């Protein structure tokens, strides 16, 4: 989960609803004021996150000339979701992202943060024709493997299925506040974090949590799609171990890029640097050669 530093949206970034053939999705959208956009960037948030995790990045990418759309996934914060567990498989979530890109005209530059990277990858595997590139931001190749993380995720998923979501949030907050280096956010940010978590469809959050314990490694399949791939992470990322992200990048035939001074949430920590690294990748088309 990313913690925003302000709830004030940058000028030009606006809440909008994106209608697709798989339903309506809440977004934060920005469109360049002058000229025709260079294309569309589609941003997919991670576990317990939302479109607000990208608000500063949406602004920076738009300033580079890109129409930029950050979304809430189904059942996440301000996007409705069903109570059916099967609705939250990676296949279903990936199909949603395909529908989003299609509704936006296709050929999106797709960016998936953390768990959103697993969803973005699934979307490209489902239909690579509607994506120009995919950027895996602080994401990993598969489920977490360390026992402590798996146990915590399994306990959270169980709680979401058996307790009121408000109680689960209080338990999670109590656990997080005991972590070394924890700093309580300002009151308005704390209220937003509570509202966001408790606005999730409990089934959605429980099942997304389970995907972090059972997702398969599909690095090899992604490499075969022909869609250009970028892997980048914060220098102090504490999500998937950095060596795991580097190995994933190698399996994709690229080198992991490091965002200086950022942790697991570069869009919040270093939005300007993150935006520059993304747009440099978007524009770095391979040279065409003739025989």
C-alpha atoms as a PDB file:
ATOM      1  CA  UNK A   1       0.000   0.000   0.000  1.00  0.00           C
ATOM      2  CA  UNK A   2       1.294   3.438  -0.935  1.00  0.00           C
ATOM      3  CA  UNK A   3       0.729   6.368   1.391  1.00  0.00           C
ATOM      4  CA  UNK A   4      -0.009   9.643  -0.426  1.00  0.00           C
ATOM      5  CA  UNK A   5       1.624  12.785   0.885  1.00  0.00           C
ATOM      6  CA  UNK A   6      -1.313  14.997  -0.035  1.00  0.00           C
ATOM      7  CA  UNK A   7      -4.948  14.468  -0.950  1.00  0.00           C
ATOM      8  CA  UNK A   8      -4.971  17.520  -3.219  1.00  0.00           C
ATOM      9  CA  UNK A   9      -4.896  16.409  -6.841  1.00  0.00           C
ATOM     10  CA  UNK A  10      -2.478  18.189  -9.182  1.00  0.00           C
ATOM     11  CA  UNK A  11      -4.063  20.675 -11.586  1.00  0.00           C
ATOM     12  CA  UNK A  12      -5.256  18.825 -14.648  1.00  0.00           C
ATOM     13  CA  UNK A  13      -5.712  15.471 -12.893  1.00  0.00           C
ATOM     14  CA  UNK A  14      -9.415  14.663 -12.572  1.00  0.00           C
ATOM     15  CA  UNK A  15     -11.589  11.790 -11.339  1.00  0.00           C
ATOM     16  CA  UNK A  16     -13.401  10.157 -14.264  1.00  0.00           C
ATOM     17  CA  UNK A  17     -15.288   6.957 -14.964  1.00  0.00           C
ATOM     18  CA  UNK A  18     -13.936   4.701 -17.704  1.00  0.00           C
ATOM     19  CA  UNK A  19     -16.707   2.695 -19.360  1.00  0.00           C
ATOM     20  CA  UNK A  20     -15.649  -0.642 -20.860  1.00  0.00           C
ATOM     21  CA  UNK A  21     -17.375  -3.762 -22.105  1.00  0.00           C
ATOM     22  CA  UNK A  22     -16.512  -5.354 -18.744  1.00  0.00           C
ATOM     23  CA  UNK A  23     -17.964  -2.592 -16.599  1.00  0.00           C
ATOM     24  CA  UNK A  24     -17.136   0.871 -15.295  1.00  0.00           C
ATOM     25  CA  UNK A  25     -13.856   1.700 -13.558  1.00  0.00           C
ATOM     26  CA  UNK A  26     -12.968   4.706 -11.411  1.00  0.00           C
ATOM     27  CA  UNK A  27      -9.923   6.579 -12.695  1.00  0.00           C
ATOM     28  CA  UNK A  28      -7.720   9.594 -12.253  1.00  0.00           C
ATOM     29  CA  UNK A  29      -7.134  10.965 -15.742  1.00  0.00           C
ATOM     30  CA  UNK A  30      -5.032  13.750 -17.226  1.00  0.00           C
ATOM     31  CA  UNK A  31      -4.940  14.877 -20.860  1.00  0.00           C
ATOM     32  CA  UNK A  32      -2.318  17.286 -22.266  1.00  0.00           C
ATOM     33  CA  UNK A  33      -3.707  20.786 -22.869  1.00  0.00           C
ATOM     34  CA  UNK A  34      -1.934  21.405 -26.163  1.00  0.00           C
ATOM     35  CA  UNK A  35      -1.726  19.273 -29.277  1.00  0.00           C
ATOM     36  CA  UNK A  36      -2.466  15.613 -29.829  1.00  0.00           C
ATOM     37  CA  UNK A  37      -1.339  13.285 -27.019  1.00  0.00           C
ATOM     38  CA  UNK A  38       1.622  11.067 -27.817  1.00  0.00           C
ATOM     39  CA  UNK A  39      -0.464   8.102 -26.714  1.00  0.00           C
ATOM     40  CA  UNK A  40      -2.020   6.631 -23.594  1.00  0.00           C
ATOM     41  CA  UNK A  41      -0.384   5.428 -20.386  1.00  0.00           C
ATOM     42  CA  UNK A  42      -2.508   3.033 -18.315  1.00  0.00           C
ATOM     43  CA  UNK A  43      -1.505   2.648 -14.652  1.00  0.00           C
ATOM     44  CA  UNK A  44      -2.606  -0.378 -12.584  1.00  0.00           C
ATOM     45  CA  UNK A  45      -2.211  -0.195  -8.780  1.00  0.00           C
ATOM     46  CA  UNK A  46      -1.207  -2.898  -6.368  1.00  0.00           C
ATOM     47  CA  UNK A  47      -2.498  -4.720  -3.306  1.00  0.00           C
ATOM     48  CA  UNK A  48      -4.547  -2.500  -0.933  1.00  0.00           C
ATOM     49  CA  UNK A  49      -3.720   0.413  -3.237  1.00  0.00           C
ATOM     50  CA  UNK A  50      -5.737   2.580  -5.596  1.00  0.00           C
ATOM     51  CA  UNK A  51      -5.479   5.092  -8.417  1.00  0.00           C
ATOM     52  CA  UNK A  52      -4.405   7.720  -5.859  1.00  0.00           C
ATOM     53  CA  UNK A  53      -1.054   5.926  -5.552  1.00  0.00           C
ATOM     54  CA  UNK A  54      -0.250   7.377  -8.976  1.00  0.00           C
ATOM     55  CA  UNK A  55      -1.623  10.921  -8.670  1.00  0.00           C
ATOM     56  CA  UNK A  56       1.763  12.733  -8.847  1.00  0.00           C
ATOM     57  CA  UNK A  57       2.950  10.395 -11.614  1.00  0.00           C
ATOM     58  CA  UNK A  58      -0.211  11.004 -13.663  1.00  0.00           C
ATOM     59  CA  UNK A  59       0.606  14.709 -13.591  1.00  0.00           C
ATOM     60  CA  UNK A  60       4.250  14.259 -14.621  1.00  0.00           C
ATOM     61  CA  UNK A  61       3.471  11.837 -17.451  1.00  0.00           C
ATOM     62  CA  UNK A  62       0.799  14.184 -18.789  1.00  0.00           C
ATOM     63  CA  UNK A  63       3.326  17.029 -18.821  1.00  0.00           C
ATOM     64  CA  UNK A  64       5.462  14.906 -21.142  1.00  0.00           C
ATOM     65  CA  UNK A  65       2.540  14.806 -23.556  1.00  0.00           C
ATOM     66  CA  UNK A  66       0.859  11.512 -22.661  1.00  0.00           C
ATOM     67  CA  UNK A  67      -2.813  11.001 -21.871  1.00  0.00           C
ATOM     68  CA  UNK A  68      -2.518   9.222 -18.532  1.00  0.00           C
ATOM     69  CA  UNK A  69      -5.120   7.077 -16.802  1.00  0.00           C
ATOM     70  CA  UNK A  70      -4.738   5.507 -13.345  1.00  0.00           C
ATOM     71  CA  UNK A  71      -7.460   3.045 -12.366  1.00  0.00           C
ATOM     72  CA  UNK A  72      -9.066   1.293  -9.446  1.00  0.00           C
ATOM     73  CA  UNK A  73      -9.358  -2.384 -10.277  1.00  0.00           C
ATOM     74  CA  UNK A  74     -12.638  -4.253  -9.776  1.00  0.00           C
ATOM     75  CA  UNK A  75     -13.632  -4.291  -6.119  1.00  0.00           C
ATOM     76  CA  UNK A  76     -10.876  -1.805  -5.301  1.00  0.00           C
ATOM     77  CA  UNK A  77     -11.741   1.465  -3.517  1.00  0.00           C
ATOM     78  CA  UNK A  78     -14.148   3.349  -5.822  1.00  0.00           C
ATOM     79  CA  UNK A  79     -14.718   0.614  -8.414  1.00  0.00           C
ATOM     80  CA  UNK A  80     -17.497  -1.829  -7.565  1.00  0.00           C
ATOM     81  CA  UNK A  81     -16.834  -5.551  -7.545  1.00  0.00           C
ATOM     82  CA  UNK A  82     -18.882  -8.719  -7.082  1.00  0.00           C
ATOM     83  CA  UNK A  83     -18.819 -11.004  -4.041  1.00  0.00           C
ATOM     84  CA  UNK A  84     -17.936 -14.001  -6.224  1.00  0.00           C
ATOM     85  CA  UNK A  85     -14.442 -15.312  -5.478  1.00  0.00           C
ATOM     86  CA  UNK A  86     -13.935 -16.453  -9.065  1.00  0.00           C
ATOM     87  CA  UNK A  87     -14.193 -12.831 -10.227  1.00  0.00           C
ATOM     88  CA  UNK A  88     -10.745 -12.105  -8.796  1.00  0.00           C
ATOM     89  CA  UNK A  89      -8.561 -14.605 -10.592  1.00  0.00           C
ATOM     90  CA  UNK A  90      -5.603 -13.095 -12.420  1.00  0.00           C
ATOM     91  CA  UNK A  91      -7.315 -14.092 -15.668  1.00  0.00           C
ATOM     92  CA  UNK A  92     -10.406 -12.027 -14.811  1.00  0.00           C
ATOM     93  CA  UNK A  93      -8.403  -9.048 -13.576  1.00  0.00           C
ATOM     94  CA  UNK A  94      -6.181  -9.190 -16.650  1.00  0.00           C
ATOM     95  CA  UNK A  95      -9.205  -9.288 -18.943  1.00  0.00           C
ATOM     96  CA  UNK A  96     -10.429  -6.093 -17.259  1.00  0.00           C
ATOM     97  CA  UNK A  97      -7.172  -4.345 -18.157  1.00  0.00           C
ATOM     98  CA  UNK A  98      -7.470  -5.525 -21.759  1.00  0.00           C
ATOM     99  CA  UNK A  99     -10.969  -4.011 -21.817  1.00  0.00           C
ATOM    100  CA  UNK A 100      -9.645  -0.747 -20.352  1.00  0.00           C
ATOM    101  CA  UNK A 101      -6.924  -0.448 -22.987  1.00  0.00           C
ATOM    102  CA  UNK A 102      -9.405  -1.264 -25.733  1.00  0.00           C
ATOM    103  CA  UNK A 103     -11.835   1.376 -24.474  1.00  0.00           C
ATOM    104  CA  UNK A 104      -8.966   3.890 -24.509  1.00  0.00           C
ATOM    105  CA  UNK A 105      -8.173   3.104 -28.130  1.00  0.00           C
ATOM    106  CA  UNK A 106      -5.614   0.345 -27.663  1.00  0.00           C
ATOM    107  CA  UNK A 107      -1.814   0.458 -27.931  1.00  0.00           C
ATOM    108  CA  UNK A 108      -1.487   1.597 -24.314  1.00  0.00           C
ATOM    109  CA  UNK A 109       1.795   1.920 -22.504  1.00  0.00           C
ATOM    110  CA  UNK A 110       0.898  -0.355 -19.576  1.00  0.00           C
ATOM    111  CA  UNK A 111       2.413   0.170 -16.117  1.00  0.00           C
ATOM    112  CA  UNK A 112       1.699  -2.248 -13.266  1.00  0.00           C
ATOM    113  CA  UNK A 113       2.816  -1.428  -9.723  1.00  0.00           C
ATOM    114  CA  UNK A 114       3.523  -4.294  -7.297  1.00  0.00           C
ATOM    115  CA  UNK A 115       0.548  -6.718  -7.479  1.00  0.00           C
ATOM    116  CA  UNK A 116      -0.634  -4.587 -10.385  1.00  0.00           C
ATOM    117  CA  UNK A 117       2.399  -5.883 -12.274  1.00  0.00           C
ATOM    118  CA  UNK A 118       1.058  -9.440 -12.047  1.00  0.00           C
ATOM    119  CA  UNK A 119      -2.276  -8.191 -13.389  1.00  0.00           C
ATOM    120  CA  UNK A 120      -0.599  -6.182 -16.146  1.00  0.00           C
ATOM    121  CA  UNK A 121       1.416  -9.225 -17.187  1.00  0.00           C
ATOM    122  CA  UNK A 122      -1.767 -11.308 -17.332  1.00  0.00           C
ATOM    123  CA  UNK A 123      -3.389  -8.654 -19.498  1.00  0.00           C
ATOM    124  CA  UNK A 124      -0.536  -8.765 -22.004  1.00  0.00           C
ATOM    125  CA  UNK A 125      -0.668 -12.570 -22.072  1.00  0.00           C
ATOM    126  CA  UNK A 126      -4.426 -12.363 -22.685  1.00  0.00           C
ATOM    127  CA  UNK A 127      -4.190  -9.959 -25.640  1.00  0.00           C
ATOM    128  CA  UNK A 128      -0.792  -8.460 -26.481  1.00  0.00           C
ATOM    129  CA  UNK A 129      -2.243  -6.614 -29.492  1.00  0.00           C
ATOM    130  CA  UNK A 130      -3.719  -3.779 -27.390  1.00  0.00           C
ATOM    131  CA  UNK A 131      -0.476  -2.867 -25.591  1.00  0.00           C
ATOM    132  CA  UNK A 132       2.614  -1.110 -26.922  1.00  0.00           C
ATOM    133  CA  UNK A 133       4.782  -1.733 -23.859  1.00  0.00           C
ATOM    134  CA  UNK A 134       4.589  -3.089 -20.324  1.00  0.00           C
ATOM    135  CA  UNK A 135       6.504  -1.646 -17.369  1.00  0.00           C
ATOM    136  CA  UNK A 136       6.728  -3.773 -14.231  1.00  0.00           C
ATOM    137  CA  UNK A 137       7.210  -1.318 -11.370  1.00  0.00           C
ATOM    138  CA  UNK A 138       8.393  -2.849  -8.085  1.00  0.00           C
ATOM    139  CA  UNK A 139       6.737  -6.099  -9.084  1.00  0.00           C
ATOM    140  CA  UNK A 140       7.795  -9.720  -9.060  1.00  0.00           C
ATOM    141  CA  UNK A 141       7.552 -12.861 -11.149  1.00  0.00           C
ATOM    142  CA  UNK A 142       5.226 -14.857  -8.899  1.00  0.00           C
ATOM    143  CA  UNK A 143       3.861 -15.246  -5.375  1.00  0.00           C
ATOM    144  CA  UNK A 144       5.985 -14.348  -2.380  1.00  0.00           C
ATOM    145  CA  UNK A 145       7.989 -17.260  -1.067  1.00  0.00           C
ATOM    146  CA  UNK A 146       9.233 -16.310   2.408  1.00  0.00           C
ATOM    147  CA  UNK A 147       7.286 -18.016   5.155  1.00  0.00           C
ATOM    148  CA  UNK A 148       6.655 -14.946   7.328  1.00  0.00           C
ATOM    149  CA  UNK A 149       5.085 -12.970   4.473  1.00  0.00           C
ATOM    150  CA  UNK A 150       2.975 -15.942   3.359  1.00  0.00           C
ATOM    151  CA  UNK A 151       1.704 -16.492   6.880  1.00  0.00           C
ATOM    152  CA  UNK A 152       0.756 -12.820   7.292  1.00  0.00           C
ATOM    153  CA  UNK A 153      -1.078 -12.780   3.954  1.00  0.00           C
ATOM    154  CA  UNK A 154      -2.960 -15.982   4.738  1.00  0.00           C
ATOM    155  CA  UNK A 155      -4.053 -14.610   8.113  1.00  0.00           C
ATOM    156  CA  UNK A 156      -5.243 -11.378   6.494  1.00  0.00           C
ATOM    157  CA  UNK A 157      -7.237 -13.256   3.844  1.00  0.00           C
ATOM    158  CA  UNK A 158      -8.852 -15.368   6.571  1.00  0.00           C
ATOM    159  CA  UNK A 159      -9.742 -12.251   8.568  1.00  0.00           C
ATOM    160  CA  UNK A 160     -11.322 -10.568   5.555  1.00  0.00           C
ATOM    161  CA  UNK A 161     -13.604 -13.556   5.090  1.00  0.00           C
ATOM    162  CA  UNK A 162     -14.612 -13.877   8.734  1.00  0.00           C
ATOM    163  CA  UNK A 163     -14.503 -10.427  10.336  1.00  0.00           C
ATOM    164  CA  UNK A 164     -15.865  -6.957   9.539  1.00  0.00           C
ATOM    165  CA  UNK A 165     -13.409  -5.213   7.232  1.00  0.00           C
ATOM    166  CA  UNK A 166     -13.133  -2.287   9.670  1.00  0.00           C
ATOM    167  CA  UNK A 167     -11.890  -4.682  12.354  1.00  0.00           C
ATOM    168  CA  UNK A 168      -9.396  -6.208   9.940  1.00  0.00           C
ATOM    169  CA  UNK A 169      -8.044  -2.739   9.162  1.00  0.00           C
ATOM    170  CA  UNK A 170      -7.606  -1.982  12.856  1.00  0.00           C
ATOM    171  CA  UNK A 171      -5.691  -5.235  13.295  1.00  0.00           C
ATOM    172  CA  UNK A 172      -3.504  -4.506  10.279  1.00  0.00           C
ATOM    173  CA  UNK A 173      -2.854  -0.951  11.461  1.00  0.00           C
ATOM    174  CA  UNK A 174      -1.854  -2.250  14.888  1.00  0.00           C
ATOM    175  CA  UNK A 175       0.562  -4.695  13.283  1.00  0.00           C
ATOM    176  CA  UNK A 176       2.044  -2.126  10.894  1.00  0.00           C
ATOM    177  CA  UNK A 177       2.516   0.460  13.636  1.00  0.00           C
ATOM    178  CA  UNK A 178       4.857  -1.905  15.475  1.00  0.00           C
ATOM    179  CA  UNK A 179       7.249  -2.062  12.532  1.00  0.00           C
ATOM    180  CA  UNK A 180      10.632  -0.431  12.871  1.00  0.00           C
ATOM    181  CA  UNK A 181      10.646   3.097  11.482  1.00  0.00           C
ATOM    182  CA  UNK A 182       6.852   3.428  11.375  1.00  0.00           C
ATOM    183  CA  UNK A 183       5.685   7.038  11.322  1.00  0.00           C
ATOM    184  CA  UNK A 184       1.996   7.786  11.766  1.00  0.00           C
ATOM    185  CA  UNK A 185       0.622   9.831   8.836  1.00  0.00           C
ATOM    186  CA  UNK A 186      -1.212  13.139   9.328  1.00  0.00           C
ATOM    187  CA  UNK A 187      -4.842  12.819  10.395  1.00  0.00           C
ATOM    188  CA  UNK A 188      -6.320  13.500   6.942  1.00  0.00           C
ATOM    189  CA  UNK A 189      -4.059  10.926   5.281  1.00  0.00           C
ATOM    190  CA  UNK A 190      -4.801   8.392   8.024  1.00  0.00           C
ATOM    191  CA  UNK A 191      -8.527   8.908   7.464  1.00  0.00           C
ATOM    192  CA  UNK A 192      -8.083   8.388   3.718  1.00  0.00           C
ATOM    193  CA  UNK A 193      -6.091   5.170   4.238  1.00  0.00           C
ATOM    194  CA  UNK A 194      -8.841   3.800   6.481  1.00  0.00           C
ATOM    195  CA  UNK A 195     -11.578   4.806   4.044  1.00  0.00           C
ATOM    196  CA  UNK A 196      -9.728   3.286   1.096  1.00  0.00           C
ATOM    197  CA  UNK A 197      -9.079  -0.039   2.798  1.00  0.00           C
ATOM    198  CA  UNK A 198     -12.592  -0.399   4.182  1.00  0.00           C
ATOM    199  CA  UNK A 199     -14.157   0.623   0.844  1.00  0.00           C
ATOM    200  CA  UNK A 200     -12.696  -2.428  -0.859  1.00  0.00           C
ATOM    201  CA  UNK A 201     -15.060  -5.298  -1.519  1.00  0.00           C
ATOM    202  CA  UNK A 202     -13.918  -7.767   1.186  1.00  0.00           C
ATOM    203  CA  UNK A 203     -13.995 -10.670  -1.259  1.00  0.00           C
ATOM    204  CA  UNK A 204     -11.845  -8.696  -3.695  1.00  0.00           C
ATOM    205  CA  UNK A 205      -9.221  -7.878  -1.099  1.00  0.00           C
ATOM    206  CA  UNK A 206      -9.210 -11.423   0.299  1.00  0.00           C
ATOM    207  CA  UNK A 207      -8.756 -12.983  -3.135  1.00  0.00           C
ATOM    208  CA  UNK A 208      -6.130 -10.461  -4.256  1.00  0.00           C
ATOM    209  CA  UNK A 209      -4.273 -11.272  -1.043  1.00  0.00           C
ATOM    210  CA  UNK A 210      -4.402 -14.961  -1.986  1.00  0.00           C
ATOM    211  CA  UNK A 211      -2.990 -14.213  -5.432  1.00  0.00           C
ATOM    212  CA  UNK A 212       0.128 -12.998  -3.648  1.00  0.00           C
ATOM    213  CA  UNK A 213       0.463 -16.495  -2.163  1.00  0.00           C
ATOM    214  CA  UNK A 214      -0.291 -18.602  -5.247  1.00  0.00           C
ATOM    215  CA  UNK A 215       0.555 -16.632  -8.432  1.00  0.00           C
ATOM    216  CA  UNK A 216       2.600 -18.633 -10.940  1.00  0.00           C
ATOM    217  CA  UNK A 217       5.790 -17.439 -12.607  1.00  0.00           C
ATOM    218  CA  UNK A 218       4.920 -16.528 -16.195  1.00  0.00           C
ATOM    219  CA  UNK A 219       8.101 -14.676 -17.045  1.00  0.00           C
ATOM    220  CA  UNK A 220       8.906 -16.990 -19.940  1.00  0.00           C
ATOM    221  CA  UNK A 221       5.430 -16.586 -21.456  1.00  0.00           C
ATOM    222  CA  UNK A 222       5.665 -12.783 -21.217  1.00  0.00           C
ATOM    223  CA  UNK A 223       9.041 -12.795 -22.960  1.00  0.00           C
ATOM    224  CA  UNK A 224       7.472 -14.615 -25.894  1.00  0.00           C
ATOM    225  CA  UNK A 225       4.661 -12.084 -26.487  1.00  0.00           C
ATOM    226  CA  UNK A 226       6.866  -9.630 -28.378  1.00  0.00           C
ATOM    227  CA  UNK A 227       5.617  -6.714 -26.254  1.00  0.00           C
ATOM    228  CA  UNK A 228       8.546  -4.552 -25.098  1.00  0.00           C
ATOM    229  CA  UNK A 229       9.148  -4.930 -21.367  1.00  0.00           C
ATOM    230  CA  UNK A 230      10.677  -2.662 -18.747  1.00  0.00           C
ATOM    231  CA  UNK A 231      11.513  -3.692 -15.177  1.00  0.00           C
ATOM    232  CA  UNK A 232      12.191  -0.943 -12.653  1.00  0.00           C
ATOM    233  CA  UNK A 233      12.208  -0.658  -8.885  1.00  0.00           C
ATOM    234  CA  UNK A 234      13.119   1.728  -6.120  1.00  0.00           C
ATOM    235  CA  UNK A 235      16.644   1.562  -4.756  1.00  0.00           C
ATOM    236  CA  UNK A 236      15.135   0.830  -1.324  1.00  0.00           C
ATOM    237  CA  UNK A 237      12.249  -1.359  -2.512  1.00  0.00           C
ATOM    238  CA  UNK A 238      11.120  -3.717   0.260  1.00  0.00           C
ATOM    239  CA  UNK A 239       8.474  -5.672  -1.664  1.00  0.00           C
ATOM    240  CA  UNK A 240       9.778  -8.527  -3.787  1.00  0.00           C
ATOM    241  CA  UNK A 241      13.497  -8.960  -3.006  1.00  0.00           C
ATOM    242  CA  UNK A 242      15.575  -6.912  -5.426  1.00  0.00           C
ATOM    243  CA  UNK A 243      17.592  -9.986  -6.576  1.00  0.00           C
ATOM    244  CA  UNK A 244      14.275 -11.645  -7.495  1.00  0.00           C
ATOM    245  CA  UNK A 245      13.283  -8.605  -9.580  1.00  0.00           C
ATOM    246  CA  UNK A 246      16.703  -8.569 -11.221  1.00  0.00           C
ATOM    247  CA  UNK A 247      16.414 -12.256 -12.097  1.00  0.00           C
ATOM    248  CA  UNK A 248      12.967 -11.629 -13.585  1.00  0.00           C
ATOM    249  CA  UNK A 249      14.408  -8.841 -15.708  1.00  0.00           C
ATOM    250  CA  UNK A 250      17.170 -11.128 -16.937  1.00  0.00           C
ATOM    251  CA  UNK A 251      14.568 -13.725 -17.883  1.00  0.00           C
ATOM    252  CA  UNK A 252      12.839 -11.036 -19.934  1.00  0.00           C
ATOM    253  CA  UNK A 253      16.078 -10.092 -21.671  1.00  0.00           C
ATOM    254  CA  UNK A 254      16.368  -6.676 -20.029  1.00  0.00           C
ATOM    255  CA  UNK A 255      18.248  -5.081 -17.159  1.00  0.00           C
ATOM    256  CA  UNK A 256      16.346  -3.905 -14.096  1.00  0.00           C
ATOM    257  CA  UNK A 257      16.400  -0.111 -13.805  1.00  0.00           C
ATOM    258  CA  UNK A 258      16.851   1.468 -10.377  1.00  0.00           C
ATOM    259  CA  UNK A 259      14.942   4.576  -9.282  1.00  0.00           C
ATOM    260  CA  UNK A 260      17.262   6.467  -6.898  1.00  0.00           C
ATOM    261  CA  UNK A 261      15.979   7.486  -3.454  1.00  0.00           C
ATOM    262  CA  UNK A 262      12.711   5.541  -3.874  1.00  0.00           C
ATOM    263  CA  UNK A 263      11.255   2.637  -1.943  1.00  0.00           C
ATOM    264  CA  UNK A 264       8.341   0.399  -2.920  1.00  0.00           C
ATOM    265  CA  UNK A 265       6.228   3.372  -4.042  1.00  0.00           C
ATOM    266  CA  UNK A 266       8.299   5.358  -6.559  1.00  0.00           C
ATOM    267  CA  UNK A 267       5.217   7.145  -7.924  1.00  0.00           C
ATOM    268  CA  UNK A 268       4.903   8.763  -4.487  1.00  0.00           C
ATOM    269  CA  UNK A 269       8.571   8.894  -3.463  1.00  0.00           C
ATOM    270  CA  UNK A 270      10.103  10.118  -6.730  1.00  0.00           C
ATOM    271  CA  UNK A 271       7.397  10.838  -9.317  1.00  0.00           C
ATOM    272  CA  UNK A 272       9.556  13.051 -11.546  1.00  0.00           C
ATOM    273  CA  UNK A 273      12.391  10.506 -11.784  1.00  0.00           C
ATOM    274  CA  UNK A 274       9.934   7.663 -12.305  1.00  0.00           C
ATOM    275  CA  UNK A 275       8.100   9.525 -15.055  1.00  0.00           C
ATOM    276  CA  UNK A 276      11.347  10.309 -16.873  1.00  0.00           C
ATOM    277  CA  UNK A 277      12.458   6.674 -16.779  1.00  0.00           C
ATOM    278  CA  UNK A 278       9.079   5.567 -18.098  1.00  0.00           C
ATOM    279  CA  UNK A 279       8.899   8.049 -20.971  1.00  0.00           C
ATOM    280  CA  UNK A 280      12.497   7.335 -21.955  1.00  0.00           C
ATOM    281  CA  UNK A 281      11.464   3.690 -22.280  1.00  0.00           C
ATOM    282  CA  UNK A 282       8.274   4.534 -24.189  1.00  0.00           C
ATOM    283  CA  UNK A 283      10.309   6.475 -26.756  1.00  0.00           C
ATOM    284  CA  UNK A 284      13.200   4.026 -26.988  1.00  0.00           C
ATOM    285  CA  UNK A 285      11.943   2.079 -29.976  1.00  0.00           C
ATOM    286  CA  UNK A 286      14.442  -0.383 -31.448  1.00  0.00           C
ATOM    287  CA  UNK A 287      16.189   0.823 -34.572  1.00  0.00           C
ATOM    288  CA  UNK A 288      14.772  -0.563 -37.810  1.00  0.00           C
ATOM    289  CA  UNK A 289      17.296  -2.272 -40.031  1.00  0.00           C
ATOM    290  CA  UNK A 290      17.012  -3.394 -43.623  1.00  0.00           C
ATOM    291  CA  UNK A 291      18.795  -6.257 -45.262  1.00  0.00           C
END
